[in-house]
C-alpha atoms as a PDB file:
ATOM      1  CA  MET A   1       4.456  20.806 -18.463  1.00  0.00           C
ATOM      2  CA  SER A   2       3.288  16.854 -17.123  1.00  0.00           C
ATOM      3  CA  THR A   3       5.738  15.274 -14.579  1.00  0.00           C
ATOM      4  CA  PHE A   4       4.730  12.050 -15.234  1.00  0.00           C
ATOM      5  CA  GLY A   5       6.613   9.192 -17.393  1.00  0.00           C
ATOM      6  CA  LEU A   6       9.433  10.318 -16.038  1.00  0.00           C
ATOM      7  CA  HIS A   7      10.809   8.301 -12.566  1.00  0.00           C
ATOM      8  CA  CYS A   8       6.782   7.815 -11.133  1.00  0.00           C
ATOM      9  CA  ASP A   9       6.057   5.559  -8.127  1.00  0.00           C
ATOM     10  CA  PHE A  10       2.267   4.909  -7.012  1.00  0.00           C
ATOM     11  CA  HIS A  11       3.075   3.041  -4.205  1.00  0.00           C
ATOM     12  CA  SER A  12       4.528   4.543  -0.968  1.00  0.00           C
ATOM     13  CA  HIS A  13       3.364   4.592   2.486  1.00  0.00           C
ATOM     14  CA  THR A  14       4.146   6.789   5.715  1.00  0.00           C
ATOM     15  CA  THR A  15       3.274   7.131   9.107  1.00  0.00           C
ATOM     16  CA  ALA A  16      -0.126   6.946   8.813  1.00  0.00           C
ATOM     17  CA  SER A  17      -0.175   3.351   8.275  1.00  0.00           C
ATOM     18  CA  ASP A  18       2.738   1.056   8.053  1.00  0.00           C
ATOM     19  CA  GLY A  19       5.287   3.548   7.197  1.00  0.00           C
ATOM     20  CA  SER A  20       7.635   4.611   9.565  1.00  0.00           C
ATOM     21  CA  LEU A  21       8.378   8.179   8.044  1.00  0.00           C
ATOM     22  CA  SER A  22       5.851  10.841   8.444  1.00  0.00           C
ATOM     23  CA  PRO A  23       3.937  12.620   5.087  1.00  0.00           C
ATOM     24  CA  ARG A  24       6.487  15.188   5.566  1.00  0.00           C
ATOM     25  CA  GLU A  25       9.507  13.067   5.283  1.00  0.00           C
ATOM     26  CA  LEU A  26       8.888  10.937   2.942  1.00  0.00           C
ATOM     27  CA  VAL A  27       8.352  13.877   0.750  1.00  0.00           C
ATOM     28  CA  GLU A  28      11.385  15.011   1.334  1.00  0.00           C
ATOM     29  CA  GLU A  29      12.802  11.149   0.764  1.00  0.00           C
ATOM     30  CA  ALA A  30      11.195  10.934  -2.698  1.00  0.00           C
ATOM     31  CA  VAL A  31      12.760  14.240  -3.786  1.00  0.00           C
ATOM     32  CA  LYS A  32      16.353  13.383  -1.994  1.00  0.00           C
ATOM     33  CA  ARG A  33      15.889  10.114  -4.462  1.00  0.00           C
ATOM     34  CA  GLY A  34      14.812  11.536  -7.739  1.00  0.00           C
ATOM     35  CA  VAL A  35      11.109  10.847  -7.585  1.00  0.00           C
ATOM     36  CA  SER A  36       8.999  13.283  -9.820  1.00  0.00           C
ATOM     37  CA  THR A  37       6.453  12.114  -9.737  1.00  0.00           C
ATOM     38  CA  LEU A  38       4.501   9.719  -6.231  1.00  0.00           C
ATOM     39  CA  ALA A  39       1.403   7.826  -5.032  1.00  0.00           C
ATOM     40  CA  LEU A  40       1.023   7.761  -1.260  1.00  0.00           C
ATOM     41  CA  THR A  41      -0.956   4.920  -0.696  1.00  0.00           C
ATOM     42  CA  ASP A  42      -1.300   4.895   3.213  1.00  0.00           C
ATOM     43  CA  HIS A  43      -2.832   0.888   3.730  1.00  0.00           C
ATOM     44  CA  ASP A  44      -7.155   1.828   4.850  1.00  0.00           C
ATOM     45  CA  THR A  45      -6.516   5.487   4.945  1.00  0.00           C
ATOM     46  CA  THR A  46      -6.046   8.940   3.572  1.00  0.00           C
ATOM     47  CA  ALA A  47      -4.811  10.171   7.075  1.00  0.00           C
ATOM     48  CA  GLY A  48      -1.718  11.853   5.653  1.00  0.00           C
ATOM     49  CA  ILE A  49      -2.755  13.077   2.595  1.00  0.00           C
ATOM     50  CA  ALA A  50      -2.896  16.933   3.488  1.00  0.00           C
ATOM     51  CA  ALA A  51       0.591  17.072   4.581  1.00  0.00           C
ATOM     52  CA  ALA A  52       2.377  15.136   2.006  1.00  0.00           C
ATOM     53  CA  GLN A  53       0.292  17.699  -0.245  1.00  0.00           C
ATOM     54  CA  ALA A  54       1.757  20.473   0.574  1.00  0.00           C
ATOM     55  CA  ALA A  55       5.374  19.155   1.712  1.00  0.00           C
ATOM     56  CA  ALA A  56       5.060  17.989  -2.533  1.00  0.00           C
ATOM     57  CA  ARG A  57       3.974  21.484  -3.410  1.00  0.00           C
ATOM     58  CA  GLU A  58       6.676  23.517  -0.741  1.00  0.00           C
ATOM     59  CA  LEU A  59       9.854  20.590  -2.163  1.00  0.00           C
ATOM     60  CA  GLY A  60       8.027  20.579  -6.730  1.00  0.00           C
ATOM     61  CA  LEU A  61       7.197  16.459  -5.552  1.00  0.00           C
ATOM     62  CA  ASN A  62       3.486  15.836  -8.347  1.00  0.00           C
ATOM     63  CA  LEU A  63       2.051  14.218  -5.420  1.00  0.00           C
ATOM     64  CA  VAL A  64      -0.661  11.848  -6.728  1.00  0.00           C
ATOM     65  CA  PRO A  65      -2.695  10.684  -3.388  1.00  0.00           C
ATOM     66  CA  GLY A  66      -3.747   7.789  -3.061  1.00  0.00           C
ATOM     67  CA  VAL A  67      -5.336   4.198  -0.659  1.00  0.00           C
ATOM     68  CA  GLU A  68      -4.748   0.531  -0.068  1.00  0.00           C
ATOM     69  CA  ILE A  69      -7.001  -0.988   0.575  1.00  0.00           C
ATOM     70  CA  THR A  70      -7.070  -4.129   2.268  1.00  0.00           C
ATOM     71  CA  CYS A  71      -9.359  -7.297   0.785  1.00  0.00           C
ATOM     72  CA  GLU A  72     -10.647 -10.503  -0.827  1.00  0.00           C
ATOM     73  CA  ALA A  73     -10.523 -12.153  -3.944  1.00  0.00           C
ATOM     74  CA  ALA A  74     -10.386 -15.683  -4.281  1.00  0.00           C
ATOM     75  CA  THR A  75      -9.672 -17.000  -0.920  1.00  0.00           C
ATOM     76  CA  THR A  76      -7.236 -14.774  -0.694  1.00  0.00           C
ATOM     77  CA  GLU A  77      -6.309 -11.643   0.925  1.00  0.00           C
ATOM     78  CA  VAL A  78      -5.257  -9.165  -1.401  1.00  0.00           C
ATOM     79  CA  HIS A  79      -4.328  -5.370  -2.136  1.00  0.00           C
ATOM     80  CA  LEU A  80      -6.312  -2.386  -4.379  1.00  0.00           C
ATOM     81  CA  LEU A  81      -4.459   0.237  -4.708  1.00  0.00           C
ATOM     82  CA  GLY A  82      -6.461   3.345  -5.855  1.00  0.00           C
ATOM     83  CA  LEU A  83      -4.564   6.003  -7.363  1.00  0.00           C
ATOM     84  CA  GLY A  84      -5.622  10.167  -7.680  1.00  0.00           C
ATOM     85  CA  ILE A  85      -8.781   9.840  -5.400  1.00  0.00           C
ATOM     86  CA  ASP A  86     -11.247  12.360  -4.009  1.00  0.00           C
ATOM     87  CA  VAL A  87      -9.788  12.573   0.192  1.00  0.00           C
ATOM     88  CA  ALA A  88     -12.926  13.988   0.688  1.00  0.00           C
ATOM     89  CA  ASN A  89     -15.560  10.432  -0.621  1.00  0.00           C
ATOM     90  CA  ALA A  90     -18.320   9.437   1.565  1.00  0.00           C
ATOM     91  CA  GLN A  91     -17.879   6.186   0.071  1.00  0.00           C
ATOM     92  CA  LEU A  92     -14.091   5.671  -0.047  1.00  0.00           C
ATOM     93  CA  GLN A  93     -14.279   7.145   4.372  1.00  0.00           C
ATOM     94  CA  ILE A  94     -16.831   5.347   5.611  1.00  0.00           C
ATOM     95  CA  LEU A  95     -14.946   1.717   3.885  1.00  0.00           C
ATOM     96  CA  CYS A  96     -11.913   3.351   5.028  1.00  0.00           C
ATOM     97  CA  VAL A  97     -12.645   3.683   8.852  1.00  0.00           C
ATOM     98  CA  GLU A  98     -14.734  -0.080   8.489  1.00  0.00           C
ATOM     99  CA  MET A  99     -11.511  -1.277   8.222  1.00  0.00           C
ATOM    100  CA  GLN A 100      -9.467   0.950  10.560  1.00  0.00           C
ATOM    101  CA  LYS A 101     -11.935  -0.110  13.631  1.00  0.00           C
ATOM    102  CA  ARG A 102     -10.993  -3.677  12.177  1.00  0.00           C
ATOM    103  CA  ARG A 103      -7.434  -3.391  12.183  1.00  0.00           C
ATOM    104  CA  ILE A 104      -7.386  -1.888  15.618  1.00  0.00           C
ATOM    105  CA  THR A 105      -9.078  -5.036  16.958  1.00  0.00           C
ATOM    106  CA  ARG A 106      -6.928  -7.039  15.118  1.00  0.00           C
ATOM    107  CA  PHE A 107      -3.901  -4.508  16.489  1.00  0.00           C
ATOM    108  CA  GLN A 108      -4.848  -5.129  19.943  1.00  0.00           C
ATOM    109  CA  ARG A 109      -5.158  -8.760  19.357  1.00  0.00           C
ATOM    110  CA  MET A 110      -2.270  -9.617  18.566  1.00  0.00           C
ATOM    111  CA  HIS A 111      -0.839  -7.196  21.193  1.00  0.00           C
ATOM    112  CA  GLN A 112      -2.132  -9.653  23.858  1.00  0.00           C
ATOM    113  CA  LEU A 113      -1.306 -12.683  22.489  1.00  0.00           C
ATOM    114  CA  LEU A 114       2.384 -11.544  22.728  1.00  0.00           C
ATOM    115  CA  GLY A 115       1.639 -10.829  26.144  1.00  0.00           C
ATOM    116  CA  GLN A 116       0.119 -14.353  26.674  1.00  0.00           C
ATOM    117  CA  HIS A 117       3.573 -15.258  25.198  1.00  0.00           C
ATOM    118  CA  GLY A 118       5.628 -14.094  27.613  1.00  0.00           C
ATOM    119  CA  LEU A 119       6.067 -10.456  25.421  1.00  0.00           C
ATOM    120  CA  HIS A 120       5.462  -8.232  27.517  1.00  0.00           C
ATOM    121  CA  PHE A 121       5.668  -4.336  25.715  1.00  0.00           C
ATOM    122  CA  PRO A 122       3.377  -1.054  26.105  1.00  0.00           C
ATOM    123  CA  LEU A 123       0.597  -1.416  23.408  1.00  0.00           C
ATOM    124  CA  PRO A 124       2.358   1.315  20.527  1.00  0.00           C
ATOM    125  CA  GLU A 125      -0.063   4.225  20.223  1.00  0.00           C
ATOM    126  CA  ILE A 126      -2.696   4.507  17.470  1.00  0.00           C
ATOM    127  CA  PRO A 127      -3.390   8.161  16.350  1.00  0.00           C
ATOM    128  CA  PRO A 128      -6.929   8.832  14.879  1.00  0.00           C
ATOM    129  CA  GLY A 129      -6.999   8.217  11.464  1.00  0.00           C
ATOM    130  CA  THR A 130      -4.402   5.711  11.435  1.00  0.00           C
ATOM    131  CA  SER A 131      -4.553   1.557  10.352  1.00  0.00           C
ATOM    132  CA  PRO A 132      -2.556   0.263  12.400  1.00  0.00           C
ATOM    133  CA  SER A 133      -0.787  -3.073  10.392  1.00  0.00           C
ATOM    134  CA  ARG A 134       2.106  -5.913  11.711  1.00  0.00           C
ATOM    135  CA  PRO A 135       4.906  -3.258  11.113  1.00  0.00           C
ATOM    136  CA  LEU A 136       3.963  -0.575  13.583  1.00  0.00           C
ATOM    137  CA  MET A 137       4.347  -4.010  16.266  1.00  0.00           C
ATOM    138  CA  ALA A 138       7.212  -5.293  15.010  1.00  0.00           C
ATOM    139  CA  ARG A 139       9.157  -1.929  15.162  1.00  0.00           C
ATOM    140  CA  ALA A 140       7.511  -2.194  19.477  1.00  0.00           C
ATOM    141  CA  LEU A 141       9.310  -5.343  19.730  1.00  0.00           C
ATOM    142  CA  VAL A 142      12.688  -3.831  18.542  1.00  0.00           C
ATOM    143  CA  ASN A 143      12.276  -1.647  20.503  1.00  0.00           C
ATOM    144  CA  ALA A 144      11.444  -3.569  23.377  1.00  0.00           C
ATOM    145  CA  GLY A 145      14.292  -5.701  22.987  1.00  0.00           C
ATOM    146  CA  HIS A 146      11.789  -8.589  22.197  1.00  0.00           C
ATOM    147  CA  ALA A 147      13.328  -8.893  18.210  1.00  0.00           C
ATOM    148  CA  ARG A 148      16.657  -7.846  16.329  1.00  0.00           C
ATOM    149  CA  ASP A 149      15.464  -5.629  13.468  1.00  0.00           C
ATOM    150  CA  LEU A 150      11.838  -6.085  11.848  1.00  0.00           C
ATOM    151  CA  ASP A 151      12.780  -9.009   9.513  1.00  0.00           C
ATOM    152  CA  ASP A 152      13.363 -11.164  13.086  1.00  0.00           C
ATOM    153  CA  ALA A 153      10.174  -9.562  14.497  1.00  0.00           C
ATOM    154  CA  PHE A 154       8.434 -11.351  11.665  1.00  0.00           C
ATOM    155  CA  ASN A 155       9.741 -14.343  11.673  1.00  0.00           C
ATOM    156  CA  LYS A 156       9.953 -15.242  14.992  1.00  0.00           C
ATOM    157  CA  TYR A 157       6.109 -13.800  16.322  1.00  0.00           C
ATOM    158  CA  LEU A 158       4.029 -11.811  13.131  1.00  0.00           C
ATOM    159  CA  LYS A 159       4.341 -14.365  10.391  1.00  0.00           C
ATOM    160  CA  ARG A 160       1.067 -16.841   9.357  1.00  0.00           C
ATOM    161  CA  GLY A 161       1.428 -19.367  11.982  1.00  0.00           C
ATOM    162  CA  ARG A 162       3.741 -17.401  14.376  1.00  0.00           C
ATOM    163  CA  PRO A 163       1.977 -16.634  17.950  1.00  0.00           C
ATOM    164  CA  GLY A 164       1.443 -13.177  17.578  1.00  0.00           C
ATOM    165  CA  TYR A 165       0.030 -13.684  13.845  1.00  0.00           C
ATOM    166  CA  VAL A 166      -4.197 -12.919  13.447  1.00  0.00           C
ATOM    167  CA  PRO A 167      -5.408 -12.923   9.704  1.00  0.00           C
ATOM    168  CA  HIS A 168      -7.378  -9.810   9.091  1.00  0.00           C
ATOM    169  CA  THR A 169     -10.961  -9.646   8.862  1.00  0.00           C
ATOM    170  CA  ARG A 170     -11.567  -8.303   4.755  1.00  0.00           C
ATOM    171  CA  GLU A 171     -14.480  -6.859   2.455  1.00  0.00           C
ATOM    172  CA  SER A 172     -14.776  -8.119  -1.598  1.00  0.00           C
ATOM    173  CA  VAL A 173     -12.004  -6.719  -3.785  1.00  0.00           C
ATOM    174  CA  LYS A 174     -15.231  -5.515  -6.399  1.00  0.00           C
ATOM    175  CA  THR A 175     -16.667  -3.510  -2.393  1.00  0.00           C
ATOM    176  CA  ALA A 176     -12.695  -2.432  -2.418  1.00  0.00           C
ATOM    177  CA  ILE A 177     -13.500  -1.876  -6.757  1.00  0.00           C
ATOM    178  CA  GLU A 178     -16.705   0.122  -6.599  1.00  0.00           C
ATOM    179  CA  ALA A 179     -15.254   2.570  -4.073  1.00  0.00           C
ATOM    180  CA  VAL A 180     -12.320   3.464  -5.457  1.00  0.00           C
ATOM    181  CA  HIS A 181     -13.801   4.754  -8.646  1.00  0.00           C
ATOM    182  CA  ALA A 182     -17.015   6.576  -6.359  1.00  0.00           C
ATOM    183  CA  ALA A 183     -13.692   8.591  -5.378  1.00  0.00           C
ATOM    184  CA  GLY A 184     -12.968   9.389  -8.505  1.00  0.00           C
ATOM    185  CA  GLY A 185      -9.836   6.686  -8.816  1.00  0.00           C
ATOM    186  CA  ILE A 186      -7.961   4.179 -10.843  1.00  0.00           C
ATOM    187  CA  ALA A 187      -8.113   0.941  -9.231  1.00  0.00           C
ATOM    188  CA  VAL A 188      -5.070  -1.165  -9.773  1.00  0.00           C
ATOM    189  CA  LEU A 189      -4.749  -4.516  -8.230  1.00  0.00           C
ATOM    190  CA  ALA A 190      -1.488  -4.256  -6.383  1.00  0.00           C
ATOM    191  CA  HIS A 191       1.172  -5.988  -6.443  1.00  0.00           C
ATOM    192  CA  PRO A 192      -0.074 -10.287  -7.763  1.00  0.00           C
ATOM    193  CA  GLY A 193       2.963 -11.901  -7.888  1.00  0.00           C
ATOM    194  CA  ILE A 194       2.720 -11.747  -3.506  1.00  0.00           C
ATOM    195  CA  TYR A 195      -0.511 -14.081  -3.697  1.00  0.00           C
ATOM    196  CA  GLY A 196      -0.554 -18.132  -4.045  1.00  0.00           C
ATOM    197  CA  ASN A 197      -3.236 -17.938  -6.726  1.00  0.00           C
ATOM    198  CA  ALA A 198      -2.171 -15.020  -8.647  1.00  0.00           C
ATOM    199  CA  GLU A 199      -4.350 -15.692 -11.614  1.00  0.00           C
ATOM    200  CA  ALA A 200      -7.103 -16.255  -9.403  1.00  0.00           C
ATOM    201  CA  THR A 201      -7.130 -12.941  -8.277  1.00  0.00           C
ATOM    202  CA  ILE A 202      -6.682 -11.480 -11.529  1.00  0.00           C
ATOM    203  CA  ASP A 203      -9.799 -13.046 -12.947  1.00  0.00           C
ATOM    204  CA  GLU A 204     -12.072 -11.702  -9.951  1.00  0.00           C
ATOM    205  CA  ALA A 205     -10.385  -8.146 -10.151  1.00  0.00           C
ATOM    206  CA  VAL A 206     -10.961  -8.323 -13.200  1.00  0.00           C
ATOM    207  CA  ARG A 207     -14.524  -9.505 -13.601  1.00  0.00           C
ATOM    208  CA  GLY A 208     -15.158  -6.530 -10.249  1.00  0.00           C
ATOM    209  CA  GLY A 209     -14.205  -3.673 -13.110  1.00  0.00           C
ATOM    210  CA  VAL A 210      -9.907  -3.063 -11.413  1.00  0.00           C
ATOM    211  CA  ASP A 211      -8.785  -0.899 -14.627  1.00  0.00           C
ATOM    212  CA  GLY A 212      -4.877  -2.074 -13.798  1.00  0.00           C
ATOM    213  CA  ILE A 213      -2.389  -4.426 -11.920  1.00  0.00           C
ATOM    214  CA  GLU A 214       0.871  -3.109 -10.581  1.00  0.00           C
ATOM    215  CA  CYS A 215       2.913  -5.201 -12.961  1.00  0.00           C
ATOM    216  CA  VAL A 216       6.818  -3.349 -11.463  1.00  0.00           C
ATOM    217  CA  HIS A 217       7.802  -4.593  -8.051  1.00  0.00           C
ATOM    218  CA  PRO A 218       9.814  -4.875  -5.439  1.00  0.00           C
ATOM    219  CA  ASP A 219       8.642  -8.394  -5.574  1.00  0.00           C
ATOM    220  CA  HIS A 220       8.167  -9.549  -8.927  1.00  0.00           C
ATOM    221  CA  ASP A 221      11.173 -10.299 -10.923  1.00  0.00           C
ATOM    222  CA  HIS A 222      11.423  -9.557 -14.620  1.00  0.00           C
ATOM    223  CA  ALA A 223      10.343 -12.664 -15.339  1.00  0.00           C
ATOM    224  CA  LYS A 224       6.702 -11.983 -13.045  1.00  0.00           C
ATOM    225  CA  GLU A 225       6.874  -8.425 -14.370  1.00  0.00           C
ATOM    226  CA  VAL A 226       6.450  -9.560 -18.073  1.00  0.00           C
ATOM    227  CA  LYS A 227       4.293 -12.211 -17.588  1.00  0.00           C
ATOM    228  CA  TYR A 228       1.842 -10.152 -15.506  1.00  0.00           C
ATOM    229  CA  THR A 229       1.631  -6.951 -18.119  1.00  0.00           C
ATOM    230  CA  GLU A 230       1.065  -9.155 -20.923  1.00  0.00           C
ATOM    231  CA  ARG A 231      -1.332 -10.194 -18.895  1.00  0.00           C
ATOM    232  CA  ALA A 232      -2.615  -6.642 -18.741  1.00  0.00           C
ATOM    233  CA  ARG A 233      -2.467  -6.167 -22.215  1.00  0.00           C
ATOM    234  CA  ARG A 234      -4.778  -9.295 -22.741  1.00  0.00           C
ATOM    235  CA  HIS A 235      -7.580  -7.702 -20.767  1.00  0.00           C
ATOM    236  CA  GLY A 236      -6.687  -3.883 -21.725  1.00  0.00           C
ATOM    237  CA  LEU A 237      -5.443  -2.768 -18.639  1.00  0.00           C
ATOM    238  CA  LEU A 238      -3.010  -0.245 -17.497  1.00  0.00           C
ATOM    239  CA  ILE A 239       0.140  -0.880 -16.153  1.00  0.00           C
ATOM    240  CA  SER A 240       1.441   0.532 -12.635  1.00  0.00           C
ATOM    241  CA  GLY A 241       4.750   0.405 -10.327  1.00  0.00           C
ATOM    242  CA  GLY A 242       6.530   1.510  -7.155  1.00  0.00           C
ATOM    243  CA  ALA A 243       8.854   0.675  -5.024  1.00  0.00           C
ATOM    244  CA  ASP A 244       6.047  -0.434  -2.466  1.00  0.00           C
ATOM    245  CA  PHE A 245       8.668   1.948   0.300  1.00  0.00           C
ATOM    246  CA  HIS A 246       8.054   2.187   3.419  1.00  0.00           C
ATOM    247  CA  GLY A 247      11.193   3.134   4.928  1.00  0.00           C
ATOM    248  CA  PRO A 248      14.678   2.813   6.033  1.00  0.00           C
ATOM    249  CA  ASP A 249      14.103   0.325   7.586  1.00  0.00           C
ATOM    250  CA  HIS A 250      12.296  -1.686   4.962  1.00  0.00           C
ATOM    251  CA  GLN A 251      13.816  -4.424   2.790  1.00  0.00           C
ATOM    252  CA  ARG A 252      16.124  -2.490   0.734  1.00  0.00           C
ATOM    253  CA  SER A 253      14.613  -3.171  -2.004  1.00  0.00           C
ATOM    254  CA  HIS A 254      11.727  -1.254  -1.700  1.00  0.00           C
ATOM    255  CA  TRP A 255      13.867   1.940  -1.280  1.00  0.00           C
ATOM    256  CA  PHE A 256      12.784   4.760  -3.598  1.00  0.00           C
ATOM    257  CA  GLY A 257      14.764   4.787  -6.601  1.00  0.00           C
ATOM    258  CA  LYS A 258      15.216   0.559  -7.321  1.00  0.00           C
ATOM    259  CA  LYS A 259      11.496   0.570  -8.936  1.00  0.00           C
ATOM    260  CA  PHE A 260       9.928   3.133 -11.566  1.00  0.00           C
ATOM    261  CA  CYS A 261       5.772   2.797 -13.199  1.00  0.00           C
ATOM    262  CA  PRO A 262       7.031   2.610 -16.821  1.00  0.00           C
ATOM    263  CA  PRO A 263       7.470   6.149 -18.480  1.00  0.00           C
ATOM    264  CA  ASN A 264       4.777   5.350 -21.390  1.00  0.00           C
ATOM    265  CA  GLU A 265       2.686   3.661 -18.902  1.00  0.00           C
ATOM    266  CA  ALA A 266       3.231   6.674 -16.309  1.00  0.00           C
ATOM    267  CA  VAL A 267       1.796   8.897 -18.314  1.00  0.00           C
ATOM    268  CA  ARG A 268      -0.846   5.755 -19.842  1.00  0.00           C
ATOM    269  CA  LEU A 269      -2.409   6.845 -15.739  1.00  0.00           C
ATOM    270  CA  GLU A 270      -2.558  10.297 -16.446  1.00  0.00           C
ATOM    271  CA  LEU A 271      -4.457  10.097 -19.026  1.00  0.00           C
ATOM    272  CA  ALA A 272      -7.927   7.965 -17.403  1.00  0.00           C
ATOM    273  CA  MET A 273      -6.887   9.498 -13.879  1.00  0.00           C
ATOM    274  CA  ALA A 274      -7.315  12.934 -15.711  1.00  0.00           C
ATOM    275  CA  GLY A 275     -10.251  11.435 -17.648  1.00  0.00           C
ATOM    276  CA  LYS A 276     -11.863  10.221 -14.105  1.00  0.00           C
END
C-alpha cells in the first residue's frame, strides 16, 4: 500500500551538500520523527541517494530520489527541486557536475577571503561528487573557534555583504527544469517566499515549464502558504512541501515534523511522478 499522503516530506539534505547528517543518519532521523515518505534533495548532487535508498529499504521508509538545483530566475538566485528523478540520467548529471565545479571554485574563494580577513583554518574536505556550500564553511568556522554557532558564522562572515560572501554563478531556471524533465522528474520551484521578487520568479519558472511550487516550507508563514497554494492552483501546478531539514544544528523550525506536504497534494505528486 502506498505511504504517500502520510507524513510526506519532499525537501531534505545530507553531508553530500550542506546537511550535517550522512544519508543513513538522515533516514534514521526521518523514521524517528515519523516521516513515512522522504525526498532527498541535496544541492546540485545526487551523491547521497544510493546510501539513503539502502537505509530506507532496511528501515521501511519510502525514499524519493531528488535534487535541488541552484539556478536563476528574474535575475535572482532560486532553487529548483527535482523529485522522482533517474539519478543516472546524463543531462542531469552533466548539469550537476558543472554546478559542483562552480561550487568548489566558490568555496575555495570564500576560504581565501576569510583568510585575508584574518580567519585562518584548514579548508574543509570536499569528497568527490559532493557540493560544498556556506553551511559547511560555517561549521568549519565554529569548529575553529571563530563563531559561536552557524547563525553567528553567517551573520559575521558569510551573508551577503560580509567578508566571506561569494555569489553563485548560475544557469537559468529553464535549463534546470529541462534537466529534471530529462531525468523523468517533477520540477518544483523551492520556497518562493524567500526570494525578493517571488512573483517574477514564479512567472519565469512557469514559462520555463515548472510542474509545481513548494508552498509549505518553514520560511513560509500561513499567509504565504495560502498565497502560493492559490497561485499554484491558478496555474494548474502541483503543490509540494517539506521541512528543508539540514540536521540538528540547523534552525529548529526546519526539523522533521515541523512541516509536511498536505496529504492530498502528496498523493497528486505521487501520481505525477508515476506518470513521468
